[in-house]
């Protein structure tokens, strides 16, 4: 199965996309489906000052839309694997 979209469109409604494939013989019970997502948290290094672009990038990443909201899936359907990236 594949689904295509572009960043110029509104965010994809993943549950609707999956339900649309039922006619092709792929049935999904959303209450029994688990989504695995990755998440990166950007942190600053302790020593030395942080470059201006790194501070700006850190603010942008903190204010970005969460993947659950972007894809239209409930947080209790998600297993999120994360890592910290030092700037």
PDB file of N, CA and C in Angstrom:
ATOM      1  N   UNK A   1       0.839  -1.152   0.000  1.00  0.00           N
ATOM      2  CA  UNK A   1       0.000   0.000   0.000  1.00  0.00           C
ATOM      3  C   UNK A   1       0.895   1.229   0.000  1.00  0.00           C
ATOM      4  N   UNK A   2       0.483   2.247  -0.700  1.00  0.00           N
ATOM      5  CA  UNK A   2       1.201   3.514  -0.666  1.00  0.00           C
ATOM      6  C   UNK A   2       0.198   4.652  -0.742  1.00  0.00           C
ATOM      7  N   UNK A   3       0.598   5.771  -0.186  1.00  0.00           N
ATOM      8  CA  UNK A   3      -0.213   6.985  -0.240  1.00  0.00           C
ATOM      9  C   UNK A   3       0.729   8.124  -0.573  1.00  0.00           C
ATOM     10  N   UNK A   4       0.284   9.010  -1.414  1.00  0.00           N
ATOM     11  CA  UNK A   4       1.138  10.122  -1.819  1.00  0.00           C
ATOM     12  C   UNK A   4       0.459  11.436  -1.497  1.00  0.00           C
ATOM     13  N   UNK A   5       1.274  12.417  -1.264  1.00  0.00           N
ATOM     14  CA  UNK A   5       0.794  13.760  -0.998  1.00  0.00           C
ATOM     15  C   UNK A   5       1.952  14.717  -1.206  1.00  0.00           C
ATOM     16  N   UNK A   6       1.724  15.961  -0.936  1.00  0.00           N
ATOM     17  CA  UNK A   6       2.810  16.928  -1.037  1.00  0.00           C
ATOM     18  C   UNK A   6       2.755  17.843   0.170  1.00  0.00           C
ATOM     19  N   UNK A   7       3.863  18.501   0.424  1.00  0.00           N
ATOM     20  CA  UNK A   7       3.914  19.407   1.565  1.00  0.00           C
ATOM     21  C   UNK A   7       3.052  20.649   1.346  1.00  0.00           C
ATOM     22  N   UNK A   8       2.601  20.874   0.126  1.00  0.00           N
ATOM     23  CA  UNK A   8       1.774  22.037  -0.170  1.00  0.00           C
ATOM     24  C   UNK A   8       0.307  21.792   0.170  1.00  0.00           C
ATOM     25  N   UNK A   9      -0.083  20.528   0.271  1.00  0.00           N
ATOM     26  CA  UNK A   9      -1.452  20.196   0.612  1.00  0.00           C
ATOM     27  C   UNK A   9      -1.641  20.279   2.118  1.00  0.00           C
ATOM     28  N   UNK A  10      -2.910  20.173   2.534  1.00  0.00           N
ATOM     29  CA  UNK A  10      -3.172  20.082   3.963  1.00  0.00           C
ATOM     30  C   UNK A  10      -2.580  18.784   4.483  1.00  0.00           C
ATOM     31  N   UNK A  11      -2.486  18.664   5.790  1.00  0.00           N
ATOM     32  CA  UNK A  11      -1.920  17.440   6.354  1.00  0.00           C
ATOM     33  C   UNK A  11      -2.789  16.234   6.001  1.00  0.00           C
ATOM     34  N   UNK A  12      -2.140  15.094   5.779  1.00  0.00           N
ATOM     35  CA  UNK A  12      -2.890  13.888   5.414  1.00  0.00           C
ATOM     36  C   UNK A  12      -3.671  13.350   6.605  1.00  0.00           C
ATOM     37  N   UNK A  13      -4.859  12.865   6.334  1.00  0.00           N
ATOM     38  CA  UNK A  13      -5.688  12.239   7.365  1.00  0.00           C
ATOM     39  C   UNK A  13      -5.456  10.743   7.255  1.00  0.00           C
ATOM     40  N   UNK A  14      -4.475  10.237   7.988  1.00  0.00           N
ATOM     41  CA  UNK A  14      -4.051   8.849   7.862  1.00  0.00           C
ATOM     42  C   UNK A  14      -5.169   7.843   8.125  1.00  0.00           C
ATOM     43  N   UNK A  15      -6.010   8.031   9.138  1.00  0.00           N
ATOM     44  CA  UNK A  15      -7.115   7.076   9.320  1.00  0.00           C
ATOM     45  C   UNK A  15      -8.032   6.978   8.094  1.00  0.00           C
ATOM     46  N   UNK A  16      -8.318   8.104   7.460  1.00  0.00           N
ATOM     47  CA  UNK A  16      -9.168   8.075   6.258  1.00  0.00           C
ATOM     48  C   UNK A  16      -8.470   7.376   5.095  1.00  0.00           C
ATOM     49  N   UNK A  17      -7.158   7.592   4.977  1.00  0.00           N
ATOM     50  CA  UNK A  17      -6.402   6.935   3.908  1.00  0.00           C
ATOM     51  C   UNK A  17      -6.434   5.422   4.098  1.00  0.00           C
ATOM     52  N   UNK A  18      -6.230   4.978   5.339  1.00  0.00           N
ATOM     53  CA  UNK A  18      -6.237   3.538   5.612  1.00  0.00           C
ATOM     54  C   UNK A  18      -7.622   2.937   5.399  1.00  0.00           C
ATOM     55  N   UNK A  19      -8.656   3.642   5.830  1.00  0.00           N
ATOM     56  CA  UNK A  19     -10.020   3.142   5.628  1.00  0.00           C
ATOM     57  C   UNK A  19     -10.376   3.088   4.147  1.00  0.00           C
ATOM     58  N   UNK A  20      -9.785   3.948   3.338  1.00  0.00           N
ATOM     59  CA  UNK A  20     -10.038   3.955   1.902  1.00  0.00           C
ATOM     60  C   UNK A  20      -9.514   2.714   1.204  1.00  0.00           C
ATOM     61  N   UNK A  21      -8.626   1.970   1.842  1.00  0.00           N
ATOM     62  CA  UNK A  21      -8.081   0.756   1.245  1.00  0.00           C
ATOM     63  C   UNK A  21      -8.888  -0.492   1.595  1.00  0.00           C
ATOM     64  N   UNK A  22      -9.973  -0.343   2.331  1.00  0.00           N
ATOM     65  CA  UNK A  22     -10.807  -1.494   2.661  1.00  0.00           C
ATOM     66  C   UNK A  22     -11.402  -2.122   1.406  1.00  0.00           C
ATOM     67  N   UNK A  23     -11.678  -1.304   0.411  1.00  0.00           N
ATOM     68  CA  UNK A  23     -12.234  -1.835  -0.840  1.00  0.00           C
ATOM     69  C   UNK A  23     -11.219  -2.698  -1.590  1.00  0.00           C
ATOM     70  N   UNK A  24      -9.934  -2.564  -1.258  1.00  0.00           N
ATOM     71  CA  UNK A  24      -8.896  -3.385  -1.875  1.00  0.00           C
ATOM     72  C   UNK A  24      -8.578  -4.631  -1.057  1.00  0.00           C
ATOM     73  N   UNK A  25      -9.400  -4.902  -0.050  1.00  0.00           N
ATOM     74  CA  UNK A  25      -9.188  -6.092   0.771  1.00  0.00           C
ATOM     75  C   UNK A  25      -8.310  -5.877   1.987  1.00  0.00           C
ATOM     76  N   UNK A  26      -7.938  -4.649   2.261  1.00  0.00           N
ATOM     77  CA  UNK A  26      -7.120  -4.350   3.436  1.00  0.00           C
ATOM     78  C   UNK A  26      -8.001  -3.692   4.488  1.00  0.00           C
ATOM     79  N   UNK A  27      -8.379  -4.448   5.482  1.00  0.00           N
ATOM     80  CA  UNK A  27      -9.250  -3.924   6.530  1.00  0.00           C
ATOM     81  C   UNK A  27      -8.408  -3.508   7.741  1.00  0.00           C
ATOM     82  N   UNK A  28      -8.691  -2.343   8.271  1.00  0.00           N
ATOM     83  CA  UNK A  28      -7.989  -1.833   9.438  1.00  0.00           C
ATOM     84  C   UNK A  28      -8.983  -1.544  10.544  1.00  0.00           C
ATOM     85  N   UNK A  29      -8.699  -2.050  11.714  1.00  0.00           N
ATOM     86  CA  UNK A  29      -9.428  -1.652  12.905  1.00  0.00           C
ATOM     87  C   UNK A  29      -8.515  -0.657  13.612  1.00  0.00           C
ATOM     88  N   UNK A  30      -8.850   0.614  13.529  1.00  0.00           N
ATOM     89  CA  UNK A  30      -7.965   1.642  14.067  1.00  0.00           C
ATOM     90  C   UNK A  30      -7.709   1.467  15.559  1.00  0.00           C
ATOM     91  N   UNK A  31      -8.634   0.861  16.283  1.00  0.00           N
ATOM     92  CA  UNK A  31      -8.423   0.637  17.709  1.00  0.00           C
ATOM     93  C   UNK A  31      -7.420  -0.484  17.960  1.00  0.00           C
ATOM     94  N   UNK A  32      -7.108  -1.266  16.940  1.00  0.00           N
ATOM     95  CA  UNK A  32      -6.135  -2.347  17.059  1.00  0.00           C
ATOM     96  C   UNK A  32      -4.845  -2.047  16.303  1.00  0.00           C
ATOM     97  N   UNK A  33      -4.714  -0.819  15.784  1.00  0.00           N
ATOM     98  CA  UNK A  33      -3.560  -0.438  14.976  1.00  0.00           C
ATOM     99  C   UNK A  33      -2.612   0.416  15.812  1.00  0.00           C
ATOM    100  N   UNK A  34      -1.315   0.146  15.695  1.00  0.00           N
ATOM    101  CA  UNK A  34      -0.295   0.924  16.394  1.00  0.00           C
ATOM    102  C   UNK A  34       0.637   1.557  15.361  1.00  0.00           C
ATOM    103  N   UNK A  35       0.938   2.822  15.560  1.00  0.00           N
ATOM    104  CA  UNK A  35       1.843   3.556  14.683  1.00  0.00           C
ATOM    105  C   UNK A  35       3.155   3.787  15.426  1.00  0.00           C
ATOM    106  N   UNK A  36       4.263   3.602  14.740  1.00  0.00           N
ATOM    107  CA  UNK A  36       5.582   3.825  15.318  1.00  0.00           C
ATOM    108  C   UNK A  36       6.165   5.077  14.686  1.00  0.00           C
ATOM    109  N   UNK A  37       6.485   6.061  15.514  1.00  0.00           N
ATOM    110  CA  UNK A  37       7.007   7.342  15.042  1.00  0.00           C
ATOM    111  C   UNK A  37       8.334   7.638  15.719  1.00  0.00           C
ATOM    112  N   UNK A  38       9.152   8.430  15.049  1.00  0.00           N
ATOM    113  CA  UNK A  38      10.399   8.878  15.658  1.00  0.00           C
ATOM    114  C   UNK A  38      10.253  10.336  16.079  1.00  0.00           C
ATOM    115  N   UNK A  39      11.067  10.719  17.030  1.00  0.00           N
ATOM    116  CA  UNK A  39      11.023  12.094  17.532  1.00  0.00           C
ATOM    117  C   UNK A  39      12.438  12.514  17.925  1.00  0.00           C
ATOM    118  N   UNK A  40      12.848  13.693  17.497  1.00  0.00           N
ATOM    119  CA  UNK A  40      14.154  14.221  17.862  1.00  0.00           C
ATOM    120  C   UNK A  40      13.959  15.468  18.719  1.00  0.00           C
ATOM    121  N   UNK A  41      14.727  15.536  19.802  1.00  0.00           N
ATOM    122  CA  UNK A  41      14.751  16.722  20.644  1.00  0.00           C
ATOM    123  C   UNK A  41      16.138  17.337  20.515  1.00  0.00           C
ATOM    124  N   UNK A  42      16.189  18.610  20.205  1.00  0.00           N
ATOM    125  CA  UNK A  42      17.467  19.292  20.021  1.00  0.00           C
ATOM    126  C   UNK A  42      17.834  20.012  21.308  1.00  0.00           C
ATOM    127  N   UNK A  43      19.031  19.726  21.801  1.00  0.00           N
ATOM    128  CA  UNK A  43      19.510  20.338  23.034  1.00  0.00           C
ATOM    129  C   UNK A  43      20.844  21.023  22.757  1.00  0.00           C
ATOM    130  N   UNK A  44      21.121  22.062  23.547  1.00  0.00           N
ATOM    131  CA  UNK A  44      22.389  22.773  23.359  1.00  0.00           C
ATOM    132  C   UNK A  44      23.487  22.124  24.191  1.00  0.00           C
ATOM    133  N   UNK A  45      24.706  22.259  23.713  1.00  0.00           N
ATOM    134  CA  UNK A  45      25.858  21.769  24.460  1.00  0.00           C
ATOM    135  C   UNK A  45      26.103  22.700  25.642  1.00  0.00           C
ATOM    136  N   UNK A  46      26.677  22.157  26.693  1.00  0.00           N
ATOM    137  CA  UNK A  46      26.885  22.930  27.910  1.00  0.00           C
ATOM    138  C   UNK A  46      27.963  24.005  27.769  1.00  0.00           C
ATOM    139  N   UNK A  47      29.081  23.657  27.168  1.00  0.00           N
ATOM    140  CA  UNK A  47      30.168  24.639  27.119  1.00  0.00           C
ATOM    141  C   UNK A  47      30.107  25.475  25.846  1.00  0.00           C
ATOM    142  N   UNK A  48      30.514  26.708  25.993  1.00  0.00           N
ATOM    143  CA  UNK A  48      30.538  27.608  24.841  1.00  0.00           C
ATOM    144  C   UNK A  48      29.157  28.163  24.519  1.00  0.00           C
ATOM    145  N   UNK A  49      29.154  29.239  23.785  1.00  0.00           N
ATOM    146  CA  UNK A  49      27.897  29.835  23.366  1.00  0.00           C
ATOM    147  C   UNK A  49      27.328  29.115  22.162  1.00  0.00           C
ATOM    148  N   UNK A  50      26.062  29.288  21.960  1.00  0.00           N
ATOM    149  CA  UNK A  50      25.418  28.642  20.827  1.00  0.00           C
ATOM    150  C   UNK A  50      25.297  29.660  19.696  1.00  0.00           C
ATOM    151  N   UNK A  51      25.613  29.232  18.489  1.00  0.00           N
ATOM    152  CA  UNK A  51      25.493  30.105  17.324  1.00  0.00           C
ATOM    153  C   UNK A  51      24.036  30.537  17.148  1.00  0.00           C
ATOM    154  N   UNK A  52      23.866  31.668  16.540  1.00  0.00           N
ATOM    155  CA  UNK A  52      22.528  32.237  16.363  1.00  0.00           C
ATOM    156  C   UNK A  52      21.592  31.288  15.606  1.00  0.00           C
ATOM    157  N   UNK A  53      22.092  30.655  14.543  1.00  0.00           N
ATOM    158  CA  UNK A  53      21.243  29.764  13.749  1.00  0.00           C
ATOM    159  C   UNK A  53      20.810  28.550  14.565  1.00  0.00           C
ATOM    160  N   UNK A  54      21.660  28.099  15.489  1.00  0.00           N
ATOM    161  CA  UNK A  54      21.292  26.945  16.315  1.00  0.00           C
ATOM    162  C   UNK A  54      20.178  27.307  17.286  1.00  0.00           C
ATOM    163  N   UNK A  55      20.238  28.501  17.871  1.00  0.00           N
ATOM    164  CA  UNK A  55      19.153  28.945  18.766  1.00  0.00           C
ATOM    165  C   UNK A  55      17.846  29.033  17.987  1.00  0.00           C
ATOM    166  N   UNK A  56      17.930  29.614  16.786  1.00  0.00           N
ATOM    167  CA  UNK A  56      16.734  29.763  15.946  1.00  0.00           C
ATOM    168  C   UNK A  56      16.174  28.385  15.564  1.00  0.00           C
ATOM    169  N   UNK A  57      17.038  27.472  15.165  1.00  0.00           N
ATOM    170  CA  UNK A  57      16.620  26.122  14.795  1.00  0.00           C
ATOM    171  C   UNK A  57      15.965  25.408  15.982  1.00  0.00           C
ATOM    172  N   UNK A  58      16.538  25.562  17.160  1.00  0.00           N
ATOM    173  CA  UNK A  58      15.965  24.959  18.363  1.00  0.00           C
ATOM    174  C   UNK A  58      14.566  25.470  18.650  1.00  0.00           C
ATOM    175  N   UNK A  59      14.368  26.787  18.514  1.00  0.00           N
ATOM    176  CA  UNK A  59      13.029  27.356  18.724  1.00  0.00           C
ATOM    177  C   UNK A  59      12.031  26.839  17.700  1.00  0.00           C
ATOM    178  N   UNK A  60      12.454  26.768  16.452  1.00  0.00           N
ATOM    179  CA  UNK A  60      11.555  26.268  15.409  1.00  0.00           C
ATOM    180  C   UNK A  60      11.139  24.824  15.670  1.00  0.00           C
ATOM    181  N   UNK A  61      12.077  23.998  16.077  1.00  0.00           N
ATOM    182  CA  UNK A  61      11.753  22.588  16.313  1.00  0.00           C
ATOM    183  C   UNK A  61      10.816  22.426  17.502  1.00  0.00           C
ATOM    184  N   UNK A  62      10.982  23.254  18.544  1.00  0.00           N
ATOM    185  CA  UNK A  62      10.080  23.172  19.701  1.00  0.00           C
ATOM    186  C   UNK A  62       8.668  23.601  19.338  1.00  0.00           C
ATOM    187  N   UNK A  63       8.533  24.519  18.400  1.00  0.00           N
ATOM    188  CA  UNK A  63       7.215  25.037  18.024  1.00  0.00           C
ATOM    189  C   UNK A  63       6.574  24.280  16.870  1.00  0.00           C
ATOM    190  N   UNK A  64       7.232  23.249  16.365  1.00  0.00           N
ATOM    191  CA  UNK A  64       6.690  22.531  15.210  1.00  0.00           C
ATOM    192  C   UNK A  64       5.508  21.646  15.615  1.00  0.00           C
ATOM    193  N   UNK A  65       4.697  21.322  14.648  1.00  0.00           N
ATOM    194  CA  UNK A  65       3.513  20.494  14.856  1.00  0.00           C
ATOM    195  C   UNK A  65       3.920  19.060  15.157  1.00  0.00           C
ATOM    196  N   UNK A  66       3.287  18.452  16.148  1.00  0.00           N
ATOM    197  CA  UNK A  66       3.593  17.066  16.477  1.00  0.00           C
ATOM    198  C   UNK A  66       3.070  16.145  15.382  1.00  0.00           C
ATOM    199  N   UNK A  67       3.741  15.015  15.197  1.00  0.00           N
ATOM    200  CA  UNK A  67       3.382  14.080  14.133  1.00  0.00           C
ATOM    201  C   UNK A  67       1.963  13.549  14.305  1.00  0.00           C
ATOM    202  N   UNK A  68       1.520  13.330  15.533  1.00  0.00           N
ATOM    203  CA  UNK A  68       0.160  12.826  15.744  1.00  0.00           C
ATOM    204  C   UNK A  68      -0.876  13.812  15.217  1.00  0.00           C
ATOM    205  N   UNK A  69      -0.646  15.092  15.437  1.00  0.00           N
ATOM    206  CA  UNK A  69      -1.572  16.111  14.926  1.00  0.00           C
ATOM    207  C   UNK A  69      -1.473  16.218  13.405  1.00  0.00           C
ATOM    208  N   UNK A  70      -0.271  16.139  12.866  1.00  0.00           N
ATOM    209  CA  UNK A  70      -0.082  16.259  11.425  1.00  0.00           C
ATOM    210  C   UNK A  70      -0.777  15.127  10.667  1.00  0.00           C
ATOM    211  N   UNK A  71      -0.629  13.898  11.144  1.00  0.00           N
ATOM    212  CA  UNK A  71      -1.211  12.752  10.453  1.00  0.00           C
ATOM    213  C   UNK A  71      -2.636  12.439  10.880  1.00  0.00           C
ATOM    214  N   UNK A  72      -3.167  13.136  11.858  1.00  0.00           N
ATOM    215  CA  UNK A  72      -4.549  12.926  12.290  1.00  0.00           C
ATOM    216  C   UNK A  72      -4.748  11.626  13.043  1.00  0.00           C
ATOM    217  N   UNK A  73      -3.746  11.212  13.817  1.00  0.00           N
ATOM    218  CA  UNK A  73      -3.875   9.979  14.594  1.00  0.00           C
ATOM    219  C   UNK A  73      -3.860  10.320  16.079  1.00  0.00           C
ATOM    220  N   UNK A  74      -4.560   9.520  16.857  1.00  0.00           N
ATOM    221  CA  UNK A  74      -4.636   9.771  18.288  1.00  0.00           C
ATOM    222  C   UNK A  74      -3.336   9.376  18.982  1.00  0.00           C
ATOM    223  N   UNK A  75      -2.926  10.121  19.988  1.00  0.00           N
ATOM    224  CA  UNK A  75      -1.681   9.797  20.697  1.00  0.00           C
ATOM    225  C   UNK A  75      -1.661   8.404  21.316  1.00  0.00           C
ATOM    226  N   UNK A  76      -2.816   7.868  21.704  1.00  0.00           N
ATOM    227  CA  UNK A  76      -2.813   6.527  22.307  1.00  0.00           C
ATOM    228  C   UNK A  76      -2.677   5.416  21.258  1.00  0.00           C
ATOM    229  N   UNK A  77      -2.588   5.750  19.992  1.00  0.00           N
ATOM    230  CA  UNK A  77      -2.321   4.772  18.922  1.00  0.00           C
ATOM    231  C   UNK A  77      -0.842   4.736  18.572  1.00  0.00           C
ATOM    232  N   UNK A  78      -0.012   5.524  19.283  1.00  0.00           N
ATOM    233  CA  UNK A  78       1.365   5.755  18.860  1.00  0.00           C
ATOM    234  C   UNK A  78       2.384   5.230  19.871  1.00  0.00           C
ATOM    235  N   UNK A  79       3.443   4.620  19.346  1.00  0.00           N
ATOM    236  CA  UNK A  79       4.654   4.342  20.103  1.00  0.00           C
ATOM    237  C   UNK A  79       5.709   5.268  19.517  1.00  0.00           C
ATOM    238  N   UNK A  80       6.239   6.143  20.359  1.00  0.00           N
ATOM    239  CA  UNK A  80       7.188   7.145  19.875  1.00  0.00           C
ATOM    240  C   UNK A  80       8.590   6.814  20.376  1.00  0.00           C
ATOM    241  N   UNK A  81       9.511   6.701  19.450  1.00  0.00           N
ATOM    242  CA  UNK A  81      10.911   6.444  19.765  1.00  0.00           C
ATOM    243  C   UNK A  81      11.675   7.732  19.577  1.00  0.00           C
ATOM    244  N   UNK A  82      12.406   8.169  20.599  1.00  0.00           N
ATOM    245  CA  UNK A  82      13.039   9.469  20.518  1.00  0.00           C
ATOM    246  C   UNK A  82      14.528   9.433  20.759  1.00  0.00           C
ATOM    247  N   UNK A  83      15.155  10.540  20.401  1.00  0.00           N
ATOM    248  CA  UNK A  83      16.581  10.721  20.657  1.00  0.00           C
ATOM    249  C   UNK A  83      16.865  12.190  20.826  1.00  0.00           C
ATOM    250  N   UNK A  84      17.940  12.495  21.549  1.00  0.00           N
ATOM    251  CA  UNK A  84      18.377  13.871  21.703  1.00  0.00           C
ATOM    252  C   UNK A  84      19.553  14.129  20.771  1.00  0.00           C
ATOM    253  N   UNK A  85      19.501  15.276  20.117  1.00  0.00           N
ATOM    254  CA  UNK A  85      20.569  15.679  19.210  1.00  0.00           C
ATOM    255  C   UNK A  85      21.183  16.951  19.773  1.00  0.00           C
ATOM    256  N   UNK A  86      22.489  16.934  20.013  1.00  0.00           N
ATOM    257  CA  UNK A  86      23.166  18.118  20.534  1.00  0.00           C
ATOM    258  C   UNK A  86      23.488  19.088  19.416  1.00  0.00           C
ATOM    259  N   UNK A  87      23.170  20.348  19.647  1.00  0.00           N
ATOM    260  CA  UNK A  87      23.490  21.417  18.684  1.00  0.00           C
ATOM    261  C   UNK A  87      24.769  22.100  19.100  1.00  0.00           C
TER     262      UNK A  87
END
